[in-house]
Amino acid sequence: MKMKRLLALVLSGAMSVPLAACGGNAQSGNGVSGAKNGSGSALTMAIWDNAQLPGLKKIVGDFTSETGIDVEIQVVPWDQYWTLLEAGAQGGDLPDVFWMHSNYSQKFMSNDILLDLTDRIAQSEVIDLDNYYKDIVELYQYDGKTYAVPKDYDTIALWYNKTLFDEAGISYPDETWTWETLAENGKKLTDTEKGQYGLAAPAVNNQDGYYNFIYTMGGGVLSADKSKSEWDSPKTVEAMNWWYDNLVSTCMPAQEIMGETAVDVLLGSGKAAMVIQGSWMVAAFKGNEYIDENCDVAVLPKSKDGVRKTICNGLGWTSCANTSHPEEAWKLLEYLGSEGAQKKQAELGVTMSAYQGTSDTWVNCAPEFNLKAYLDMTEDMVIRPYTKNTKKWEDYSQSAMVKAYTGEMTMEEVCQDIAAFMNKEIAEE
């Protein structure tokens, strides 16, 4: 049975946060009250971002009011979320509706764990996949079938501390900045005696870090046909050497510091003048008093020849293949992907929405910040690299990058090492 292939992937350790099974009785706490579905139990929904919960509860509440179908939302932290989903897949116990991510989608789809939505989408008067960003749609397609309704998309931008810039007499980042400008000002904003640094971008931050720089500089992580790694390509190696020589070794905290303290904490404590962050962080940032008062956001820097790229990604709403409530689950998925719900997702500041043309109002969810920077980054997007075993080679690459940041290996050696590991994994897929 294909699901059993995931047994080896289940992580060890205690699983202290239970997920209700498909068709099982939902847990209380984060639910939306309403009538039960036809089988007498509520649909269960699993997400990992507590910052999105308030907005999603309102949207799901509207769904319950319209359909009478009750939904219980469970928030499970990122690491535990995937541990529990993989364990649930092996045991046949998964939520009715849940988020899917590109790091895991190929694995879950190829093992028949997700509900095939192909025919339902084809017959739907609400869901037309042409209305969503094509790259996001393709994240959740496998062997000619579709397994998720696109939820959102994200881009990357540059957050900066206005107060530190003012104190240093440096103009704020804007669309004229190149990466050389960032490096020059990053050095000026670094004062190691104060524990203040120009930029925090740790070794494990790829989509919200060096991936953007690699592609802006003409390099790559994965070939277009997903057949081989591009970590060892000359332009990628050149880009990462520049990244180390001009940023890591000159204006960043030591990797040990960034490994212990998240970049949002460094920004929110005045220790980092700049950080690179995804649009998914806005919901958390707008509730931080220090960041509200001292920080803002701008587009990423461009290359000398004017190229400015962002790595984008997007979540999908999906259901488990063996849910006891496939029709009710589909009604929820269809509703969440509708133009109206996607507009409301943006208006409530949950995230930017995958339905094209519905995200303009998202910039108003935190008027204290220049959120238009994230929308401006959509002009040249590159989908986050993925294959069937993304999680495995990405985990390896992040661990290897730590060795470059700490000087244990040269950046070129690390790039070659990552490429060799990725090629081995891709060949085995």
Protein backbone atom coordinates (compact mmCIF):
# COMPACT_ATOMS: atom_id res chain seq x y z
CA MET A 1 0.00 0.00 0.00
CA LYS A 2 1.48 3.35 -1.03
CA MET A 3 0.73 5.08 2.25
CA LYS A 4 3.02 2.68 4.06
CA ARG A 5 5.98 4.07 2.14
CA LEU A 6 5.79 7.08 4.44
CA LEU A 7 6.46 5.00 7.55
CA ALA A 8 10.19 5.56 7.29
CA LEU A 9 9.60 9.29 7.01
CA VAL A 10 7.83 9.66 10.34
CA LEU A 11 10.06 11.48 12.77
CA SER A 12 10.86 10.02 16.17
CA GLY A 13 9.75 11.53 19.46
CA ALA A 14 6.57 12.14 21.38
CA MET A 15 3.61 13.46 19.42
CA SER A 16 1.97 15.69 21.98
CA VAL A 17 -0.38 17.66 19.70
CA PRO A 18 -3.09 15.35 18.32
CA LEU A 19 -4.87 15.94 15.03
CA ALA A 20 -8.43 14.73 14.72
CA ALA A 21 -8.81 12.01 12.13
CA CYS A 22 -10.70 12.24 8.86
CA GLY A 23 -14.33 11.91 9.82
CA GLY A 24 -13.52 11.83 13.52
CA ASN A 25 -14.93 14.09 16.18
CA ALA A 26 -13.25 17.48 16.04
CA GLN A 27 -11.44 18.94 19.01
CA SER A 28 -12.72 22.11 20.57
CA GLY A 29 -10.86 25.36 21.15
CA ASN A 30 -10.39 27.06 17.78
CA GLY A 31 -13.58 26.02 16.09
CA VAL A 32 -16.40 27.86 14.38
CA SER A 33 -19.78 26.99 15.82
CA GLY A 34 -22.57 25.83 13.59
CA ALA A 35 -24.48 22.78 12.47
CA LYS A 36 -22.73 19.48 11.98
CA ASN A 37 -22.29 17.90 8.58
CA GLY A 38 -24.41 15.07 7.28
CA SER A 39 -22.51 12.46 9.29
CA GLY A 40 -23.05 14.28 12.58
CA SER A 41 -19.47 15.47 13.16
CA ALA A 42 -17.59 18.64 12.35
CA LEU A 43 -15.03 18.90 9.59
CA THR A 44 -11.51 19.23 10.93
CA MET A 45 -9.10 21.79 9.48
CA ALA A 46 -5.37 21.92 10.27
CA ILE A 47 -3.05 24.92 9.80
CA TRP A 48 0.32 25.85 11.29
CA ASP A 49 0.27 29.68 11.49
CA ASN A 50 -1.50 31.08 14.53
CA ALA A 51 -1.22 34.61 13.10
CA GLN A 52 -3.63 33.65 10.32
CA LEU A 53 -6.18 32.12 12.66
CA PRO A 54 -8.33 35.21 13.41
CA GLY A 55 -8.95 35.97 9.73
CA LEU A 56 -9.51 32.35 8.79
CA LYS A 57 -12.04 31.94 11.59
CA LYS A 58 -14.08 34.77 10.09
CA ILE A 59 -13.94 33.25 6.61
CA VAL A 60 -14.79 29.77 7.85
CA GLY A 61 -17.54 31.28 9.97
CA ASP A 62 -19.10 32.70 6.80
CA PHE A 63 -18.89 29.24 5.22
CA THR A 64 -20.65 27.67 8.20
CA SER A 65 -23.38 30.32 8.08
CA GLU A 66 -23.98 29.65 4.40
CA THR A 67 -23.81 25.85 4.45
CA GLY A 68 -24.56 24.75 8.00
CA ILE A 69 -21.35 22.70 7.96
CA ASP A 70 -19.36 23.06 11.17
CA VAL A 71 -15.57 23.34 10.99
CA GLU A 72 -13.02 22.98 13.78
CA ILE A 73 -9.67 24.70 13.13
CA GLN A 74 -6.58 23.22 14.76
CA VAL A 75 -3.29 25.13 14.85
CA VAL A 76 -0.20 22.92 15.01
CA PRO A 77 3.35 24.39 14.95
CA TRP A 78 5.24 23.86 11.68
CA ASP A 79 7.60 21.06 12.76
CA GLN A 80 4.93 19.11 14.63
CA TYR A 81 2.49 19.66 11.78
CA TRP A 82 4.50 17.62 9.28
CA THR A 83 5.46 14.99 11.83
CA LEU A 84 1.80 14.45 12.59
CA LEU A 85 0.66 14.53 8.97
CA GLU A 86 3.23 11.93 7.99
CA ALA A 87 2.28 9.75 10.94
CA GLY A 88 -1.39 10.28 10.14
CA ALA A 89 -0.84 9.35 6.51
CA GLN A 90 0.74 6.07 7.56
CA GLY A 91 -2.05 5.35 10.01
CA GLY A 92 -4.89 6.63 7.86
CA ASP A 93 -5.78 9.42 10.30
CA LEU A 94 -5.61 12.92 8.81
CA PRO A 95 -7.69 16.11 9.11
CA ASP A 96 -10.49 16.56 6.59
CA VAL A 97 -8.98 19.79 5.23
CA PHE A 98 -5.45 21.08 5.69
CA TRP A 99 -2.66 23.20 4.25
CA MET A 100 -0.18 21.69 1.81
CA HIS A 101 3.29 23.10 1.05
CA SER A 102 5.53 22.64 -1.99
CA ASN A 103 8.21 20.97 0.16
CA TYR A 104 5.85 18.05 0.74
CA SER A 105 3.25 18.16 -2.02
CA GLN A 106 4.99 15.84 -4.49
CA LYS A 107 5.52 13.20 -1.84
CA PHE A 108 1.93 13.31 -0.58
CA MET A 109 0.41 13.38 -4.08
CA SER A 110 2.52 10.53 -5.42
CA ASN A 111 1.57 8.33 -2.46
CA ASP A 112 -2.20 8.74 -2.99
CA ILE A 113 -2.65 10.49 0.34
CA LEU A 114 -4.56 13.53 -0.93
CA LEU A 115 -8.07 13.68 -2.34
CA ASP A 116 -8.08 13.91 -6.14
CA LEU A 117 -9.94 17.13 -6.98
CA THR A 118 -9.59 16.97 -10.75
CA ASP A 119 -13.17 16.07 -11.65
CA ARG A 120 -14.69 18.26 -8.96
CA ILE A 121 -12.74 21.28 -10.22
CA ALA A 122 -13.72 20.53 -13.81
CA GLN A 123 -17.41 20.53 -12.82
CA SER A 124 -17.21 23.53 -10.50
CA GLU A 125 -18.81 26.85 -11.36
CA VAL A 126 -16.64 28.54 -8.73
CA ILE A 127 -13.12 27.21 -9.29
CA ASP A 128 -11.38 27.92 -12.59
CA LEU A 129 -7.66 27.20 -12.31
CA ASP A 130 -6.92 29.83 -14.96
CA ASN A 131 -7.79 32.45 -12.33
CA TYR A 132 -4.83 31.50 -10.16
CA TYR A 133 -1.09 31.97 -10.61
CA LYS A 134 -0.03 29.12 -12.88
CA ASP A 135 3.11 28.28 -10.90
CA ILE A 136 1.08 27.92 -7.71
CA VAL A 137 -1.46 25.66 -9.44
CA GLU A 138 1.32 23.41 -10.73
CA LEU A 139 2.72 22.93 -7.22
CA TYR A 140 -0.31 20.79 -6.48
CA GLN A 141 -0.61 18.80 -9.68
CA TYR A 142 0.84 15.35 -10.24
CA ASP A 143 0.48 12.90 -13.11
CA GLY A 144 -2.19 15.03 -14.76
CA LYS A 145 -4.32 15.38 -11.63
CA THR A 146 -4.96 18.29 -9.25
CA TYR A 147 -4.90 17.76 -5.50
CA ALA A 148 -5.31 21.22 -3.98
CA VAL A 149 -7.05 24.54 -4.48
CA PRO A 150 -4.49 27.38 -4.38
CA LYS A 151 -4.69 29.36 -1.14
CA ASP A 152 -2.16 32.16 -1.42
CA TYR A 153 1.17 33.28 -2.80
CA ASP A 154 4.08 35.05 -1.20
CA THR A 155 6.96 37.26 -2.26
CA ILE A 156 10.09 38.46 -0.48
CA ALA A 157 11.08 42.02 0.44
CA LEU A 158 13.59 43.97 2.55
CA TRP A 159 12.66 45.13 6.05
CA TYR A 160 14.74 47.90 7.59
CA ASN A 161 15.01 49.85 10.82
CA LYS A 162 14.28 53.51 10.08
CA THR A 163 15.67 54.64 13.42
CA LEU A 164 19.06 53.01 12.85
CA PHE A 165 19.18 54.43 9.33
CA ASP A 166 18.37 57.91 10.64
CA GLU A 167 21.04 57.69 13.33
CA ALA A 168 23.61 56.68 10.68
CA GLY A 169 22.47 59.40 8.25
CA ILE A 170 21.67 56.82 5.55
CA SER A 171 18.74 57.16 3.16
CA TYR A 172 16.13 54.41 3.37
CA PRO A 173 16.23 51.52 0.89
CA ASP A 174 14.20 52.08 -2.27
CA GLU A 175 13.86 50.79 -5.83
CA THR A 176 17.23 52.34 -6.81
CA TRP A 177 19.20 50.13 -4.44
CA THR A 178 21.48 47.46 -5.88
CA TRP A 179 22.92 44.62 -3.84
CA GLU A 180 26.16 46.59 -3.82
CA THR A 181 24.27 49.47 -2.19
CA LEU A 182 22.97 47.11 0.46
CA ALA A 183 26.45 45.74 1.14
CA GLU A 184 27.98 49.21 1.40
CA ASN A 185 25.34 50.48 3.80
CA GLY A 186 25.23 47.21 5.69
CA LYS A 187 28.86 47.75 6.68
CA LYS A 188 28.11 51.32 7.81
CA LEU A 189 25.24 50.11 9.95
CA THR A 190 27.33 47.44 11.67
CA ASP A 191 28.73 48.17 15.12
CA THR A 192 29.89 44.97 16.75
CA GLU A 193 30.59 46.69 20.09
CA LYS A 194 26.90 47.58 20.31
CA GLY A 195 25.86 44.20 19.01
CA GLN A 196 24.30 45.91 15.99
CA TYR A 197 24.52 44.48 12.48
CA GLY A 198 23.65 45.72 9.02
CA LEU A 199 21.90 42.57 7.81
CA ALA A 200 20.65 39.33 9.34
CA ALA A 201 20.18 36.51 6.81
CA PRO A 202 21.10 33.15 8.38
CA ALA A 203 22.33 30.05 6.61
CA VAL A 204 18.97 28.30 6.89
CA ASN A 205 17.01 31.12 5.24
CA ASN A 206 16.86 30.23 1.56
CA GLN A 207 13.55 31.45 0.12
CA ASP A 208 13.74 34.42 2.47
CA GLY A 209 17.45 34.85 1.84
CA TYR A 210 20.09 33.90 -0.69
CA TYR A 211 17.76 32.14 -3.18
CA ASN A 212 16.57 35.58 -4.30
CA PHE A 213 20.15 36.76 -4.81
CA ILE A 214 21.17 33.62 -6.70
CA TYR A 215 18.38 33.98 -9.26
CA THR A 216 18.81 37.74 -9.54
CA MET A 217 22.44 37.14 -10.46
CA GLY A 218 21.57 34.59 -13.15
CA GLY A 219 22.26 31.46 -11.14
CA GLY A 220 19.88 28.75 -10.03
CA VAL A 221 19.20 25.98 -7.55
CA LEU A 222 17.41 23.47 -9.77
CA SER A 223 17.30 23.05 -13.54
CA ALA A 224 14.08 24.02 -15.32
CA ASP A 225 13.25 20.36 -16.01
CA LYS A 226 14.06 19.42 -12.39
CA SER A 227 16.57 16.85 -13.59
CA LYS A 228 19.68 18.20 -11.85
CA SER A 229 21.00 20.65 -9.32
CA GLU A 230 22.37 24.03 -10.36
CA TRP A 231 24.14 24.68 -7.08
CA ASP A 232 27.46 23.95 -8.79
CA SER A 233 26.80 26.15 -11.84
CA PRO A 234 29.40 28.92 -12.31
CA LYS A 235 26.89 31.75 -11.80
CA THR A 236 25.49 30.21 -8.62
CA VAL A 237 28.95 29.69 -7.16
CA GLU A 238 29.94 33.23 -8.16
CA ALA A 239 26.80 34.66 -6.56
CA MET A 240 27.28 32.77 -3.30
CA ASN A 241 30.96 33.74 -3.12
CA TRP A 242 29.88 37.38 -3.41
CA TRP A 243 27.17 36.81 -0.79
CA TYR A 244 29.76 35.50 1.65
CA ASP A 245 32.50 38.05 0.91
CA ASN A 246 30.26 41.12 0.92
CA LEU A 247 27.52 40.25 3.39
CA VAL A 248 28.12 37.21 5.61
CA SER A 249 31.69 38.15 6.55
CA THR A 250 31.21 41.91 6.77
CA CYS A 251 27.82 42.96 8.15
CA MET A 252 26.00 39.93 9.56
CA PRO A 253 25.95 38.52 13.10
CA ALA A 254 27.81 35.26 13.58
CA GLN A 255 25.83 32.24 12.44
CA GLU A 256 25.73 31.08 16.07
CA ILE A 257 23.78 34.23 16.96
CA MET A 258 21.40 33.89 14.02
CA GLY A 259 20.96 30.21 14.79
CA GLU A 260 19.78 31.03 18.31
CA THR A 261 17.81 34.21 17.60
CA ALA A 262 15.30 34.46 14.77
CA VAL A 263 15.73 37.36 12.36
CA ASP A 264 12.36 38.88 13.29
CA VAL A 265 13.58 39.05 16.89
CA LEU A 266 16.84 40.67 15.77
CA LEU A 267 14.86 43.24 13.78
CA GLY A 268 12.39 43.77 16.59
CA SER A 269 15.13 44.40 19.16
CA GLY A 270 17.20 46.86 17.12
CA LYS A 271 20.04 44.38 16.62
CA ALA A 272 19.60 44.06 12.84
CA ALA A 273 19.21 47.11 10.62
CA MET A 274 17.89 44.98 7.75
CA VAL A 275 16.36 41.55 7.29
CA ILE A 276 14.96 39.73 4.25
CA GLN A 277 11.48 38.43 4.95
CA GLY A 278 8.47 36.92 3.21
CA SER A 279 5.02 38.46 3.06
CA TRP A 280 3.80 35.72 5.40
CA MET A 281 5.51 37.60 8.28
CA VAL A 282 3.38 40.73 8.00
CA ALA A 283 0.64 39.39 10.28
CA ALA A 284 3.25 38.88 13.01
CA PHE A 285 5.15 42.12 12.38
CA LYS A 286 2.11 44.39 12.59
CA GLY A 287 1.49 43.28 16.14
CA ASN A 288 5.03 44.10 17.29
CA GLU A 289 5.16 47.50 18.97
CA TYR A 290 8.87 48.08 18.26
CA ILE A 291 8.59 47.11 14.59
CA ASP A 292 5.44 49.22 14.19
CA GLU A 293 7.25 52.30 15.46
CA ASN A 294 10.71 51.82 13.96
CA CYS A 295 10.57 49.70 10.83
CA ASP A 296 9.32 49.62 7.26
CA VAL A 297 9.69 47.52 4.12
CA ALA A 298 11.06 48.07 0.61
CA VAL A 299 11.56 46.01 -2.54
CA LEU A 300 14.63 43.80 -2.70
CA PRO A 301 17.76 45.29 -4.25
CA LYS A 302 18.44 44.74 -7.94
CA SER A 303 21.53 43.64 -9.82
CA LYS A 304 23.78 46.17 -11.57
CA ASP A 305 21.99 45.43 -14.84
CA GLY A 306 18.55 46.08 -13.32
CA VAL A 307 17.32 42.53 -12.61
CA ARG A 308 15.21 42.20 -9.45
CA LYS A 309 13.82 38.71 -8.75
CA THR A 310 11.88 37.23 -5.87
CA ILE A 311 11.31 33.62 -4.96
CA CYS A 312 7.60 32.96 -4.60
CA ASN A 313 5.65 30.10 -3.16
CA GLY A 314 2.06 29.40 -2.23
CA LEU A 315 0.04 27.07 -0.06
CA GLY A 316 -2.78 24.85 -1.23
CA TRP A 317 -6.03 23.84 0.48
CA THR A 318 -6.35 20.07 0.28
CA SER A 319 -8.16 17.10 1.81
CA CYS A 320 -7.18 13.56 2.74
CA ALA A 321 -8.05 10.85 0.22
CA ASN A 322 -9.94 8.74 2.74
CA THR A 323 -11.99 11.46 4.41
CA SER A 324 -15.41 10.28 5.56
CA HIS A 325 -16.84 13.59 4.34
CA PRO A 326 -15.52 14.13 0.80
CA GLU A 327 -18.47 16.20 -0.38
CA GLU A 328 -18.47 18.48 2.66
CA ALA A 329 -14.68 18.81 2.46
CA TRP A 330 -14.94 19.74 -1.22
CA LYS A 331 -17.57 22.37 -0.45
CA LEU A 332 -15.16 23.94 2.03
CA LEU A 333 -12.23 23.79 -0.41
CA GLU A 334 -14.39 25.30 -3.15
CA TYR A 335 -15.52 28.08 -0.84
CA LEU A 336 -11.98 28.88 0.35
CA GLY A 337 -10.80 29.13 -3.25
CA SER A 338 -13.68 31.30 -4.40
CA GLU A 339 -13.08 34.86 -5.54
CA GLY A 340 -15.10 36.20 -2.61
CA ALA A 341 -13.22 34.25 0.06
CA GLN A 342 -9.89 35.04 -1.55
CA LYS A 343 -10.72 38.76 -1.55
CA LYS A 344 -11.71 38.56 2.10
CA GLN A 345 -8.46 36.73 2.92
CA ALA A 346 -6.54 39.71 1.52
CA GLU A 347 -8.80 42.32 3.12
CA LEU A 348 -8.44 40.73 6.54
CA GLY A 349 -4.67 40.70 6.18
CA VAL A 350 -4.41 36.92 6.40
CA THR A 351 -2.10 36.72 3.36
CA MET A 352 -1.97 37.75 -0.26
CA SER A 353 -4.33 35.52 -2.22
CA ALA A 354 -3.61 33.10 -5.06
CA TYR A 355 -6.67 34.24 -7.04
CA GLN A 356 -5.25 36.82 -9.43
CA GLY A 357 -6.45 40.38 -8.92
CA THR A 358 -7.69 39.89 -5.35
CA SER A 359 -4.65 41.01 -3.34
CA ASP A 360 -4.64 44.79 -3.83
CA THR A 361 -6.54 45.38 -0.58
CA TRP A 362 -3.96 43.37 1.37
CA VAL A 363 -1.68 46.44 1.45
CA ASN A 364 -4.23 48.17 3.67
CA CYS A 365 -4.11 45.55 6.41
CA ALA A 366 -1.08 47.28 7.95
CA PRO A 367 -1.03 50.88 6.66
CA GLU A 368 1.95 51.68 8.85
CA PHE A 369 4.12 49.67 6.44
CA ASN A 370 4.79 50.01 2.73
CA LEU A 371 3.29 46.64 1.88
CA LYS A 372 3.06 47.64 -1.77
CA ALA A 373 6.70 46.55 -1.90
CA TYR A 374 5.53 42.93 -1.80
CA LEU A 375 3.10 43.46 -4.67
CA ASP A 376 5.79 45.28 -6.65
CA MET A 377 7.99 42.19 -6.30
CA THR A 378 5.48 40.20 -8.37
CA GLU A 379 6.92 41.72 -11.54
CA ASP A 380 9.60 39.01 -11.74
CA MET A 381 8.82 35.93 -9.66
CA VAL A 382 10.59 32.58 -9.61
CA ILE A 383 8.75 29.63 -8.07
CA ARG A 384 10.55 28.08 -5.10
CA PRO A 385 12.58 25.09 -6.37
CA TYR A 386 10.97 21.74 -5.62
CA THR A 387 11.09 18.04 -6.52
CA LYS A 388 9.57 14.95 -4.95
CA ASN A 389 12.17 14.92 -2.16
CA THR A 390 12.52 18.67 -1.62
CA LYS A 391 12.55 18.39 2.14
CA LYS A 392 15.45 15.95 2.13
CA TRP A 393 17.83 17.91 -0.10
CA GLU A 394 16.74 21.25 1.29
CA ASP A 395 17.46 20.16 4.86
CA TYR A 396 20.87 18.97 3.71
CA SER A 397 21.63 22.20 1.86
CA GLN A 398 20.72 24.32 4.88
CA SER A 399 22.98 22.26 7.15
CA ALA A 400 25.79 22.45 4.60
CA MET A 401 25.39 26.21 4.28
CA VAL A 402 26.04 26.57 8.00
CA LYS A 403 29.53 25.19 7.32
CA ALA A 404 30.17 27.96 4.81
CA TYR A 405 28.86 30.66 7.14
CA THR A 406 31.09 29.43 9.98
CA GLY A 407 34.16 28.98 7.77
CA GLU A 408 34.34 25.22 8.21
CA MET A 409 34.20 24.88 4.42
CA THR A 410 34.58 27.40 1.61
CA MET A 411 31.44 28.59 -0.10
CA GLU A 412 32.49 26.91 -3.34
CA GLU A 413 33.05 23.60 -1.54
CA VAL A 414 29.61 23.84 0.03
CA CYS A 415 27.97 24.61 -3.33
CA GLN A 416 29.66 21.57 -4.88
CA ASP A 417 28.67 19.41 -1.91
CA ILE A 418 25.02 20.46 -2.08
CA ALA A 419 24.91 19.82 -5.82
CA ALA A 420 26.30 16.31 -5.41
CA PHE A 421 23.76 15.45 -2.71
CA MET A 422 20.86 16.91 -4.68
CA ASN A 423 21.80 15.04 -7.85
CA LYS A 424 21.94 11.78 -5.93
CA GLU A 425 18.50 12.40 -4.43
CA ILE A 426 16.99 13.48 -7.76
CA ALA A 427 18.37 10.38 -9.47
CA GLU A 428 16.73 8.18 -6.83
CA GLU A 429 13.36 9.86 -7.31
